[in-house]
N, C-alpha and C. Protein backbone atom coordinates (compact mmCIF):
# COMPACT_ATOMS: atom_id res chain seq x y z
N MET A 1 10.27 -6.47 11.34
CA MET A 1 8.80 -5.67 10.85
C MET A 1 8.84 -4.54 11.58
N GLU A 2 9.07 -3.14 11.38
CA GLU A 2 8.33 -2.06 11.55
C GLU A 2 7.27 -1.70 11.36
N LEU A 3 6.59 -2.14 10.04
CA LEU A 3 5.55 -1.72 9.70
C LEU A 3 4.35 -1.77 10.41
N MET A 4 4.59 -3.09 11.06
CA MET A 4 3.33 -3.23 12.70
C MET A 4 3.74 -3.25 14.06
N ASP A 5 2.20 -2.61 14.58
CA ASP A 5 2.61 -2.33 15.52
C ASP A 5 3.23 -3.71 16.64
N SER A 6 3.89 -3.11 17.27
CA SER A 6 4.44 -3.97 18.25
C SER A 6 4.04 -4.66 19.30
N THR A 7 3.01 -4.26 19.86
CA THR A 7 1.78 -5.00 20.47
C THR A 7 1.27 -6.01 19.70
N LEU A 8 1.43 -6.53 18.30
CA LEU A 8 1.01 -7.47 17.74
C LEU A 8 1.94 -8.28 17.48
N ARG A 9 3.19 -8.48 17.71
CA ARG A 9 3.92 -9.07 17.25
C ARG A 9 4.06 -10.19 17.62
N ASP A 10 3.12 -10.97 18.50
CA ASP A 10 3.31 -12.40 18.83
C ASP A 10 2.25 -12.71 17.87
N SER A 11 1.06 -12.13 17.21
CA SER A 11 -0.20 -12.64 16.58
C SER A 11 -0.23 -12.68 15.27
N TYR A 12 1.03 -12.33 14.71
CA TYR A 12 1.36 -12.58 12.93
C TYR A 12 2.35 -13.31 12.91
N MET A 13 2.41 -13.77 11.76
CA MET A 13 3.52 -14.27 10.72
C MET A 13 4.31 -13.72 9.93
N SER A 14 5.35 -12.82 9.98
CA SER A 14 5.84 -11.67 9.10
C SER A 14 5.68 -12.58 7.44
N ASN A 15 5.87 -13.67 7.49
CA ASN A 15 6.23 -14.30 5.94
C ASN A 15 5.02 -13.40 5.32
N GLU A 16 3.76 -13.70 6.02
CA GLU A 16 2.19 -13.45 6.09
C GLU A 16 2.21 -11.62 5.54
N VAL A 17 2.81 -11.54 6.60
CA VAL A 17 3.12 -9.77 6.75
C VAL A 17 3.76 -9.01 5.26
N LEU A 18 4.82 -9.68 4.63
CA LEU A 18 5.42 -9.86 3.88
C LEU A 18 4.43 -9.67 2.53
N ARG A 19 4.04 -10.67 2.49
CA ARG A 19 2.95 -11.22 1.65
C ARG A 19 2.23 -10.13 0.91
N CYS A 20 1.54 -9.84 2.03
CA CYS A 20 -0.01 -9.17 2.66
C CYS A 20 0.95 -7.44 1.50
N ILE A 21 1.87 -7.31 1.98
CA ILE A 21 2.45 -5.96 1.83
C ILE A 21 3.18 -6.01 0.41
N HIS A 22 3.55 -7.05 0.20
CA HIS A 22 4.15 -7.00 -1.39
C HIS A 22 2.39 -6.65 -2.32
N ILE A 23 1.28 -7.94 -2.21
CA ILE A 23 0.43 -7.68 -2.84
C ILE A 23 -0.41 -6.25 -3.21
N GLY A 24 -0.27 -5.41 -1.91
CA GLY A 24 -0.83 -4.27 -1.51
C GLY A 24 0.15 -3.24 -2.66
N LEU A 25 1.39 -3.47 -2.90
CA LEU A 25 2.15 -3.05 -3.89
C LEU A 25 1.90 -3.18 -5.33
N LEU A 26 1.78 -4.47 -5.31
CA LEU A 26 0.93 -4.67 -6.84
C LEU A 26 -0.45 -4.02 -7.36
N CYS A 27 -0.89 -4.11 -6.23
CA CYS A 27 -2.25 -3.45 -6.62
C CYS A 27 -2.04 -1.54 -6.81
N VAL A 28 -0.95 -1.17 -6.51
CA VAL A 28 -1.09 0.22 -6.54
C VAL A 28 0.13 0.51 -7.44
N GLN A 29 0.12 -0.25 -8.68
CA GLN A 29 1.15 -0.15 -9.67
C GLN A 29 0.81 1.25 -10.27
N GLU A 30 1.79 1.87 -11.28
CA GLU A 30 1.06 3.20 -12.42
C GLU A 30 0.11 2.94 -13.56
N ASN A 31 0.99 1.40 -14.14
CA ASN A 31 0.31 0.97 -14.92
C ASN A 31 -1.19 -0.16 -14.49
N ARG A 32 -2.21 0.84 -14.47
CA ARG A 32 -3.24 -0.19 -14.32
C ARG A 32 -3.44 -1.64 -14.99
N ASP A 33 -3.03 -1.31 -16.25
CA ASP A 33 -2.96 -3.22 -16.85
C ASP A 33 -1.80 -4.15 -16.12
N ALA A 34 -1.19 -3.61 -15.45
CA ALA A 34 0.06 -4.57 -14.53
C ALA A 34 -1.03 -5.12 -13.32
N ARG A 35 -1.86 -3.80 -12.83
CA ARG A 35 -2.44 -4.72 -11.62
C ARG A 35 -3.65 -5.76 -11.58
N PRO A 36 -3.41 -6.47 -10.51
CA PRO A 36 -4.03 -7.47 -10.68
C PRO A 36 -4.99 -7.46 -10.20
N THR A 37 -6.83 -8.26 -10.72
CA THR A 37 -7.51 -8.37 -10.85
C THR A 37 -7.95 -8.62 -8.92
N MET A 38 -9.22 -8.12 -8.81
CA MET A 38 -9.64 -8.61 -7.49
C MET A 38 -9.79 -10.04 -7.31
N ALA A 39 -10.17 -10.65 -8.16
CA ALA A 39 -10.23 -12.40 -8.11
C ALA A 39 -8.63 -13.10 -8.43
N ARG A 40 -7.87 -12.15 -9.02
CA ARG A 40 -6.32 -12.49 -8.66
C ARG A 40 -5.58 -12.04 -6.92
N VAL A 41 -6.21 -10.62 -6.57
CA VAL A 41 -5.63 -10.82 -5.59
C VAL A 41 -6.06 -11.82 -4.33
N ALA A 42 -7.51 -12.57 -4.78
CA ALA A 42 -8.03 -13.26 -3.54
C ALA A 42 -7.09 -14.24 -3.49
N LEU A 43 -6.88 -15.16 -5.05
CA LEU A 43 -6.41 -16.15 -5.01
C LEU A 43 -4.87 -16.04 -4.62
N MET A 44 -4.16 -14.94 -4.74
CA MET A 44 -2.64 -14.40 -4.22
C MET A 44 -2.71 -14.76 -2.82
N LEU A 45 -4.12 -14.25 -1.81
CA LEU A 45 -4.22 -14.03 -0.39
C LEU A 45 -4.37 -15.72 0.00
N SER A 46 -4.66 -16.16 -0.73
CA SER A 46 -5.49 -17.61 -0.07
C SER A 46 -3.57 -19.01 -0.66
N SER A 47 -3.29 -18.52 -1.42
CA SER A 47 -2.42 -19.32 -1.52
C SER A 47 -0.93 -18.99 -1.94
N CYS A 48 -0.39 -19.37 -0.68
CA CYS A 48 0.73 -19.25 -0.83
C CYS A 48 2.03 -20.00 -1.51
N SER A 49 1.26 -20.71 -2.44
CA SER A 49 2.05 -21.30 -3.48
C SER A 49 2.31 -20.74 -5.08
N ILE A 50 1.38 -19.68 -4.94
CA ILE A 50 1.33 -18.88 -5.87
C ILE A 50 2.60 -17.78 -6.09
N SER A 51 3.72 -18.03 -7.21
CA SER A 51 4.61 -16.71 -6.68
C SER A 51 4.68 -15.30 -7.24
N LEU A 52 4.34 -14.36 -6.79
CA LEU A 52 4.00 -13.20 -6.78
C LEU A 52 5.81 -12.53 -7.80
N PRO A 53 4.72 -11.32 -8.55
CA PRO A 53 5.34 -10.41 -9.39
C PRO A 53 6.06 -9.53 -8.96
N SER A 54 7.54 -9.37 -9.40
CA SER A 54 8.13 -7.66 -8.90
C SER A 54 6.80 -6.88 -9.07
N PRO A 55 6.80 -5.68 -8.19
CA PRO A 55 6.09 -4.55 -8.73
C PRO A 55 6.70 -3.81 -9.68
N GLN A 56 6.21 -3.08 -10.41
CA GLN A 56 6.49 -1.97 -11.59
C GLN A 56 6.65 -0.66 -10.19
N LYS A 57 6.28 0.27 -10.91
CA LYS A 57 6.38 1.55 -10.21
C LYS A 57 5.19 2.14 -9.46
N ILE A 58 4.80 2.68 -8.73
CA ILE A 58 3.49 2.72 -7.98
C ILE A 58 3.34 4.08 -8.28
N ALA A 59 1.97 4.19 -8.22
CA ALA A 59 1.53 5.69 -8.41
C ALA A 59 1.93 6.63 -7.66
N PHE A 60 1.27 6.32 -6.64
CA PHE A 60 1.48 7.44 -5.21
C PHE A 60 2.56 7.16 -4.37
N PHE A 61 2.52 7.80 -3.54
CA PHE A 61 3.08 7.67 -2.30
C PHE A 61 2.69 8.61 -1.25
N PHE A 62 2.71 7.89 0.22
CA PHE A 62 2.09 8.84 1.23
C PHE A 62 3.12 9.25 1.66
N GLY A 63 3.94 10.30 2.33
CA GLY A 63 4.88 10.25 3.04
C GLY A 63 4.41 10.81 4.39
N THR A 64 5.49 10.96 5.47
CA THR A 64 4.98 11.04 6.97
C THR A 64 4.98 12.25 7.57
N ALA A 65 4.61 12.63 8.49
CA ALA A 65 4.44 13.97 8.90
C ALA A 65 5.58 14.44 9.36
N THR A 66 5.94 15.65 8.90
CA THR A 66 7.07 16.12 9.22
C THR A 66 7.50 17.05 10.59
N ALA A 67 8.47 17.23 10.80
CA ALA A 67 9.27 17.81 12.34
C ALA A 67 8.59 18.55 13.02
N THR A 68 7.71 19.75 11.81
CA THR A 68 6.95 20.67 12.11
C THR A 68 5.68 21.01 12.29
N GLY A 69 5.21 19.43 12.09
CA GLY A 69 3.63 19.12 12.30
C GLY A 69 2.84 19.21 11.21
N HIS A 70 3.41 19.83 10.70
CA HIS A 70 2.54 19.73 9.12
C HIS A 70 1.95 18.50 8.69
N PRO A 71 0.80 18.51 7.73
CA PRO A 71 0.36 16.75 7.56
C PRO A 71 1.45 16.14 6.19
N PRO A 72 1.20 15.07 5.65
CA PRO A 72 1.82 14.59 4.95
C PRO A 72 1.37 14.99 4.11
N GLU A 73 2.61 14.55 3.00
CA GLU A 73 2.27 15.30 1.45
C GLU A 73 2.12 14.34 0.63
N LEU A 74 1.61 14.38 -0.44
CA LEU A 74 0.99 13.59 -1.29
C LEU A 74 1.95 13.51 -2.40
N LEU A 75 3.05 12.71 -2.68
CA LEU A 75 4.50 12.86 -4.08
C LEU A 75 4.07 12.45 -4.66
N VAL A 76 3.66 12.66 -5.94
CA VAL A 76 3.50 13.04 -7.04
C VAL A 76 4.16 12.70 -8.43
N VAL A 77 4.69 11.73 -8.79
CA VAL A 77 5.97 11.47 -9.81
C VAL A 77 5.03 12.11 -11.42
N ASP A 78 5.62 13.53 -11.48
CA ASP A 78 5.52 13.32 -12.99
C ASP A 78 5.77 12.73 -14.08
N LYS A 79 4.94 12.27 -15.14
CA LYS A 79 4.82 11.19 -15.76
C LYS A 79 5.88 11.67 -17.42
N THR A 80 6.05 12.95 -17.34
CA THR A 80 6.68 13.61 -18.38
C THR A 80 8.50 13.72 -18.03
N THR A 81 8.95 13.78 -16.97
CA THR A 81 10.10 13.95 -16.62
C THR A 81 10.67 13.21 -15.27
N THR A 82 11.57 12.87 -14.81
CA THR A 82 12.12 12.02 -13.80
C THR A 82 11.72 13.22 -12.67
N THR A 83 11.39 14.12 -12.51
CA THR A 83 11.22 15.09 -11.46
C THR A 83 10.64 14.96 -10.80
N ASN A 84 10.29 14.69 -9.34
CA ASN A 84 9.24 14.56 -8.60
C ASN A 84 8.75 16.02 -8.35
N THR A 85 7.30 16.05 -7.55
CA THR A 85 6.54 17.43 -7.30
C THR A 85 5.74 16.92 -6.12
N SER A 86 5.96 17.61 -5.25
CA SER A 86 5.14 17.57 -4.38
C SER A 86 3.49 18.31 -4.18
N SER A 87 2.50 18.18 -3.53
CA SER A 87 1.50 18.61 -3.12
C SER A 87 0.99 17.98 -2.39
N SER A 88 0.14 19.25 -1.25
CA SER A 88 -0.18 19.02 0.36
C SER A 88 -1.98 17.77 -0.27
N ALA A 89 -2.00 17.23 0.54
CA ALA A 89 -3.20 16.20 1.15
C ALA A 89 -3.82 16.11 2.12
N THR A 90 -4.97 16.09 2.04
CA THR A 90 -6.22 16.23 3.14
C THR A 90 -6.23 14.82 4.17
N VAL A 91 -6.16 14.82 4.83
CA VAL A 91 -6.79 13.65 5.87
C VAL A 91 -7.96 12.89 6.30
N ASN A 92 -7.89 11.77 5.94
CA ASN A 92 -9.03 11.47 5.03
C ASN A 92 -9.86 10.88 6.42
N GLU A 93 -10.80 11.52 6.96
CA GLU A 93 -11.68 10.98 8.59
C GLU A 93 -12.74 10.29 8.42
N VAL A 94 -12.86 9.91 7.52
CA VAL A 94 -14.17 8.51 7.45
C VAL A 94 -13.69 7.42 8.18
N SER A 95 -14.72 7.45 8.22
CA SER A 95 -14.98 5.60 9.22
C SER A 95 -15.94 5.04 8.81
N ILE A 96 -15.24 3.52 8.59
CA ILE A 96 -16.58 2.36 8.06
C ILE A 96 -16.80 1.70 8.99
N THR A 97 -18.30 1.59 8.91
CA THR A 97 -18.81 0.16 10.05
C THR A 97 -19.29 -0.93 9.42
N ASP A 98 -18.80 -1.84 10.24
CA ASP A 98 -19.42 -3.55 9.46
C ASP A 98 -20.05 -3.67 10.27
N LEU A 99 -21.57 -4.15 9.33
CA LEU A 99 -23.02 -4.46 10.33
C LEU A 99 -22.75 -6.02 10.18
N PHE A 100 -23.05 -6.81 11.37
CA PHE A 100 -23.24 -8.40 11.16
C PHE A 100 -24.67 -8.61 11.69
N PRO A 101 -25.22 -10.06 10.79
CA PRO A 101 -26.38 -10.12 11.01
C PRO A 101 -26.53 -10.51 11.97
């Protein structure tokens, strides 16, 4: 499980992580009609007995930083051809604060 922080290895079950990744891929499919509703996502996350469909083509992909230190690039798949084009992306530095009563 290269996607997970190695310090967390003992605190998760790999099949649960893979299921979450699979559901995440379903949520970013290019065809918005193929994406699950939030109610369906909640059901898929809460029940392991529901089989998950194979994800179709994803709408976008964020690459990793290059060896030159440049920021990651947003890979945009041109819908009219099979050629891939890239454009620079900015890093989102917004934070979220959860308030508890």
